[in-house]
Amino acid sequence: MPVISSKNQVTLPVEALSAAGLTSGDEVVINATADGRIEISTPEAFVERFAGIFDAGVYPPGYLEGLRAEWD
């Protein structure tokens, strides 16, 4: 069973990584989901989870265009 080191490091079992489709060098996002539980996901999965949650009505008409005009 993996143990958390004094440097807060954990060696993940190869079988778990393979089952999740993760390999050495992959970037991951780590979130605490509950007491004693963490979730490891890829950044793409994280983006897909939240992409599109705001509809067109979030900002009043013309608001974003006004902000973009400030960049010029």
C-alpha atoms as a PDB file:
ATOM      1  CA  MET A   1       0.000   0.000   0.000  1.00  0.00           C
ATOM      2  CA  PRO A   2       1.444   3.424  -0.958  1.00  0.00           C
ATOM      3  CA  VAL A   3       2.408   5.769   1.880  1.00  0.00           C
ATOM      4  CA  ILE A   4       2.653   9.578   1.857  1.00  0.00           C
ATOM      5  CA  SER A   5       6.318  10.529   2.314  1.00  0.00           C
ATOM      6  CA  SER A   6       7.694  13.373   4.428  1.00  0.00           C
ATOM      7  CA  LYS A   7       7.843  15.367   1.149  1.00  0.00           C
ATOM      8  CA  ASN A   8       4.107  14.741   0.534  1.00  0.00           C
ATOM      9  CA  GLN A   9       4.884  12.364  -2.337  1.00  0.00           C
ATOM     10  CA  VAL A  10       3.025   9.175  -3.196  1.00  0.00           C
ATOM     11  CA  THR A  11       3.994   6.468  -5.683  1.00  0.00           C
ATOM     12  CA  LEU A  12       0.899   5.523  -7.650  1.00  0.00           C
ATOM     13  CA  PRO A  13       0.427   1.877  -8.620  1.00  0.00           C
ATOM     14  CA  VAL A  14       1.135   1.232 -12.308  1.00  0.00           C
ATOM     15  CA  GLU A  15      -2.072  -0.809 -12.588  1.00  0.00           C
ATOM     16  CA  ALA A  16      -4.186   2.148 -11.415  1.00  0.00           C
ATOM     17  CA  LEU A  17      -2.441   4.539 -13.795  1.00  0.00           C
ATOM     18  CA  SER A  18      -2.868   2.155 -16.720  1.00  0.00           C
ATOM     19  CA  ALA A  19      -6.545   1.596 -15.927  1.00  0.00           C
ATOM     20  CA  ALA A  20      -7.040   5.391 -15.893  1.00  0.00           C
ATOM     21  CA  GLY A  21      -5.177   5.793 -19.178  1.00  0.00           C
ATOM     22  CA  LEU A  22      -2.412   7.868 -17.582  1.00  0.00           C
ATOM     23  CA  THR A  23       1.282   7.532 -18.375  1.00  0.00           C
ATOM     24  CA  SER A  24       4.560   9.010 -17.188  1.00  0.00           C
ATOM     25  CA  GLY A  25       4.819  12.710 -18.054  1.00  0.00           C
ATOM     26  CA  ASP A  26       1.059  13.349 -18.248  1.00  0.00           C
ATOM     27  CA  GLU A  27      -0.112  16.616 -16.688  1.00  0.00           C
ATOM     28  CA  VAL A  28      -2.815  16.123 -14.084  1.00  0.00           C
ATOM     29  CA  VAL A  29      -5.152  18.168 -11.916  1.00  0.00           C
ATOM     30  CA  ILE A  30      -5.585  17.055  -8.314  1.00  0.00           C
ATOM     31  CA  ASN A  31      -8.658  18.027  -6.282  1.00  0.00           C
ATOM     32  CA  ALA A  32      -9.808  17.120  -2.779  1.00  0.00           C
ATOM     33  CA  THR A  33     -13.318  15.701  -3.135  1.00  0.00           C
ATOM     34  CA  ALA A  34     -14.024  14.659   0.446  1.00  0.00           C
ATOM     35  CA  ASP A  35     -12.269  13.929   3.726  1.00  0.00           C
ATOM     36  CA  GLY A  36      -9.481  11.471   2.915  1.00  0.00           C
ATOM     37  CA  ARG A  37     -10.308  11.397  -0.813  1.00  0.00           C
ATOM     38  CA  ILE A  38      -8.639  13.039  -3.808  1.00  0.00           C
ATOM     39  CA  GLU A  39      -9.383  12.950  -7.528  1.00  0.00           C
ATOM     40  CA  ILE A  40      -6.736  12.942 -10.248  1.00  0.00           C
ATOM     41  CA  SER A  41      -7.814  13.989 -13.732  1.00  0.00           C
ATOM     42  CA  THR A  42      -6.226  15.336 -16.879  1.00  0.00           C
ATOM     43  CA  PRO A  43      -6.521  19.065 -17.586  1.00  0.00           C
ATOM     44  CA  GLU A  44      -8.596  18.299 -20.703  1.00  0.00           C
ATOM     45  CA  ALA A  45     -11.159  16.403 -18.653  1.00  0.00           C
ATOM     46  CA  PHE A  46     -11.254  19.312 -16.195  1.00  0.00           C
ATOM     47  CA  VAL A  47     -11.891  21.818 -18.987  1.00  0.00           C
ATOM     48  CA  GLU A  48     -14.550  19.607 -20.578  1.00  0.00           C
ATOM     49  CA  ARG A  49     -16.281  19.393 -17.208  1.00  0.00           C
ATOM     50  CA  PHE A  50     -16.786  23.167 -17.029  1.00  0.00           C
ATOM     51  CA  ALA A  51     -16.756  24.233 -20.681  1.00  0.00           C
ATOM     52  CA  GLY A  52     -20.044  25.719 -21.774  1.00  0.00           C
ATOM     53  CA  ILE A  53     -21.583  26.084 -18.316  1.00  0.00           C
ATOM     54  CA  PHE A  54     -22.324  29.752 -18.980  1.00  0.00           C
ATOM     55  CA  ASP A  55     -24.910  30.559 -21.587  1.00  0.00           C
ATOM     56  CA  ALA A  56     -25.029  33.647 -23.785  1.00  0.00           C
ATOM     57  CA  GLY A  57     -27.091  35.507 -21.175  1.00  0.00           C
ATOM     58  CA  VAL A  58     -24.286  35.792 -18.616  1.00  0.00           C
ATOM     59  CA  TYR A  59     -23.144  39.184 -19.908  1.00  0.00           C
ATOM     60  CA  PRO A  60     -25.386  41.983 -21.140  1.00  0.00           C
ATOM     61  CA  PRO A  61     -25.377  42.609 -24.913  1.00  0.00           C
ATOM     62  CA  GLY A  62     -22.251  44.449 -26.048  1.00  0.00           C
ATOM     63  CA  TYR A  63     -20.352  43.958 -22.784  1.00  0.00           C
ATOM     64  CA  LEU A  64     -17.670  41.611 -24.149  1.00  0.00           C
ATOM     65  CA  GLU A  65     -17.249  43.690 -27.283  1.00  0.00           C
ATOM     66  CA  GLY A  66     -16.624  46.734 -25.062  1.00  0.00           C
ATOM     67  CA  LEU A  67     -13.946  44.876 -23.120  1.00  0.00           C
ATOM     68  CA  ARG A  68     -12.275  43.732 -26.326  1.00  0.00           C
ATOM     69  CA  ALA A  69     -12.296  47.298 -27.650  1.00  0.00           C
ATOM     70  CA  GLU A  70     -10.225  48.328 -24.596  1.00  0.00           C
ATOM     71  CA  TRP A  71      -7.388  46.080 -25.820  1.00  0.00           C
ATOM     72  CA  ASP A  72      -6.862  48.126 -28.972  1.00  0.00           C
END
